[in-house]
């Protein structure tokens, strides 16, 4: 009896992609492109192994979530990220924070778990912010 499951199209190892991995790959292609791309162009840049319809579905879902904007290009849509990679990370962080009841505790724990370098950056950014907030 073979203990290895049959490969499922998805990744180079023959296994299924982790949840969100395909969306992350598609988003990376669009961020690196520097311009809006159609589903066909994204499919081509991702290489083999994915069907056009899979890419279209992923692009449509990212657009519905507000992660991508789209414009008509002939008979297709061309997709582009609504913000850069740093903006995307900030959106994800904000979404997580908005889902928590005790934001003070979450932010305090977040800062406690930062590396010393990142904590210094965090405090510098928010220290500067606090100085200007009181001077309106």
Protein backbone atom coordinates (compact mmCIF):
# COMPACT_ATOMS: atom_id res chain seq x y z
CA UNK A 1 0.00 0.00 0.00
CA UNK A 2 1.42 3.37 -1.07
CA UNK A 3 1.51 5.90 1.78
CA UNK A 4 1.99 8.91 -0.53
CA UNK A 5 -1.13 10.71 -1.70
CA UNK A 6 -1.59 11.34 -5.39
CA UNK A 7 -0.12 14.69 -6.37
CA UNK A 8 -2.61 17.51 -6.67
CA UNK A 9 -1.86 20.28 -9.14
CA UNK A 10 -0.71 23.29 -7.22
CA UNK A 11 2.90 23.59 -6.26
CA UNK A 12 6.25 22.36 -7.48
CA UNK A 13 6.27 19.46 -5.03
CA UNK A 14 3.01 18.15 -6.45
CA UNK A 15 1.02 19.04 -3.31
CA UNK A 16 -1.82 21.43 -2.82
CA UNK A 17 -0.95 25.06 -2.02
CA UNK A 18 -1.50 26.29 1.52
CA UNK A 19 -4.53 28.50 2.03
CA UNK A 20 -3.77 31.96 0.70
CA UNK A 21 -0.56 30.90 -1.06
CA UNK A 22 -1.98 31.27 -4.57
CA UNK A 23 -3.42 34.69 -3.75
CA UNK A 24 -0.03 35.74 -2.36
CA UNK A 25 1.73 34.52 -5.51
CA UNK A 26 -0.72 36.37 -7.75
CA UNK A 27 -0.35 39.52 -5.68
CA UNK A 28 3.45 39.29 -5.83
CA UNK A 29 3.32 39.01 -9.63
CA UNK A 30 1.14 42.12 -9.83
CA UNK A 31 3.31 44.09 -7.39
CA UNK A 32 6.48 43.20 -9.30
CA UNK A 33 4.92 44.02 -12.68
CA UNK A 34 4.69 47.75 -12.06
CA UNK A 35 1.60 47.89 -14.27
CA UNK A 36 -1.86 46.36 -14.47
CA UNK A 37 -1.96 42.85 -15.93
CA UNK A 38 -4.72 40.73 -17.44
CA UNK A 39 -5.47 37.24 -16.16
CA UNK A 40 -3.67 35.81 -19.17
CA UNK A 41 -0.55 37.84 -18.42
CA UNK A 42 -0.63 36.80 -14.76
CA UNK A 43 -1.07 33.14 -15.75
CA UNK A 44 1.92 33.39 -18.08
CA UNK A 45 4.14 35.03 -15.44
CA UNK A 46 3.21 32.41 -12.85
CA UNK A 47 4.53 29.69 -15.13
CA UNK A 48 2.91 26.32 -15.70
CA UNK A 49 0.61 24.34 -13.50
CA UNK A 50 -2.31 26.75 -13.18
CA UNK A 51 -5.32 27.06 -15.40
CA UNK A 52 -6.50 30.41 -16.70
CA UNK A 53 -9.82 29.97 -14.88
CA UNK A 54 -8.03 29.41 -11.55
CA UNK A 55 -6.14 32.69 -12.01
CA UNK A 56 -9.34 34.53 -13.04
CA UNK A 57 -11.10 33.22 -9.91
CA UNK A 58 -8.20 34.31 -7.69
CA UNK A 59 -8.06 37.76 -9.28
CA UNK A 60 -11.83 38.16 -8.92
CA UNK A 61 -11.70 37.23 -5.24
CA UNK A 62 -8.84 39.65 -4.56
CA UNK A 63 -10.80 42.38 -6.35
CA UNK A 64 -13.94 41.61 -4.32
CA UNK A 65 -11.88 41.91 -1.10
CA UNK A 66 -10.64 45.34 -2.18
CA UNK A 67 -7.05 44.18 -2.58
CA UNK A 68 -6.99 44.79 -6.35
CA UNK A 69 -8.45 47.40 -8.64
CA UNK A 70 -9.37 46.55 -12.21
CA UNK A 71 -9.85 48.39 -15.46
CA UNK A 72 -11.17 47.25 -18.81
CA UNK A 73 -8.56 46.35 -21.38
CA UNK A 74 -10.28 45.33 -24.59
CA UNK A 75 -12.46 42.32 -23.67
CA UNK A 76 -10.62 41.53 -20.43
CA UNK A 77 -9.86 43.22 -17.15
CA UNK A 78 -6.39 44.33 -16.15
CA UNK A 79 -5.67 44.11 -12.41
CA UNK A 80 -3.33 46.09 -10.18
CA UNK A 81 -2.82 46.23 -6.40
CA UNK A 82 -4.59 49.09 -4.63
CA UNK A 83 -1.43 49.76 -2.59
CA UNK A 84 2.19 48.65 -2.32
CA UNK A 85 3.47 45.71 -0.24
CA UNK A 86 3.90 47.84 2.90
CA UNK A 87 0.36 49.13 2.53
CA UNK A 88 -0.96 45.59 2.18
CA UNK A 89 0.84 44.48 5.33
CA UNK A 90 -0.54 47.49 7.20
CA UNK A 91 -4.08 46.63 6.03
CA UNK A 92 -3.71 43.04 7.28
CA UNK A 93 -2.40 44.25 10.64
CA UNK A 94 -5.28 46.71 10.98
CA UNK A 95 -7.84 44.00 10.13
CA UNK A 96 -6.45 41.73 12.84
CA UNK A 97 -6.44 44.54 15.38
CA UNK A 98 -10.02 45.52 14.51
CA UNK A 99 -11.13 41.97 15.31
CA UNK A 100 -9.80 42.10 18.88
CA UNK A 101 -11.72 43.28 21.93
CA UNK A 102 -8.73 44.37 24.06
CA UNK A 103 -6.69 46.44 21.62
CA UNK A 104 -4.46 47.85 24.36
CA UNK A 105 -3.36 44.35 25.37
CA UNK A 106 -2.83 43.28 21.76
CA UNK A 107 -0.70 46.32 20.94
CA UNK A 108 1.29 46.01 24.16
CA UNK A 109 2.00 42.33 23.48
CA UNK A 110 2.90 43.13 19.88
CA UNK A 111 5.51 45.69 20.98
CA UNK A 112 6.83 43.35 23.70
CA UNK A 113 7.49 40.66 21.10
CA UNK A 114 9.30 42.90 18.61
CA UNK A 115 13.04 42.66 18.11
CA UNK A 116 14.94 45.48 19.85
CA UNK A 117 15.55 47.13 16.48
CA UNK A 118 11.88 46.97 15.47
CA UNK A 119 10.75 48.14 18.91
CA UNK A 120 13.02 51.19 18.64
CA UNK A 121 11.58 51.95 15.19
CA UNK A 122 8.03 51.47 16.46
CA UNK A 123 8.60 53.78 19.42
CA UNK A 124 10.34 56.38 17.25
CA UNK A 125 7.48 56.45 14.74
CA UNK A 126 4.78 56.60 17.38
CA UNK A 127 6.81 58.88 19.66
CA UNK A 128 7.03 61.39 16.80
CA UNK A 129 3.30 60.95 16.18
CA UNK A 130 2.44 61.57 19.85
CA UNK A 131 4.54 64.77 19.87
CA UNK A 132 2.63 66.22 16.90
CA UNK A 133 -0.83 65.03 18.02
CA UNK A 134 -0.85 67.32 21.05
CA UNK A 135 0.04 70.43 19.01
CA UNK A 136 -3.13 71.01 16.99
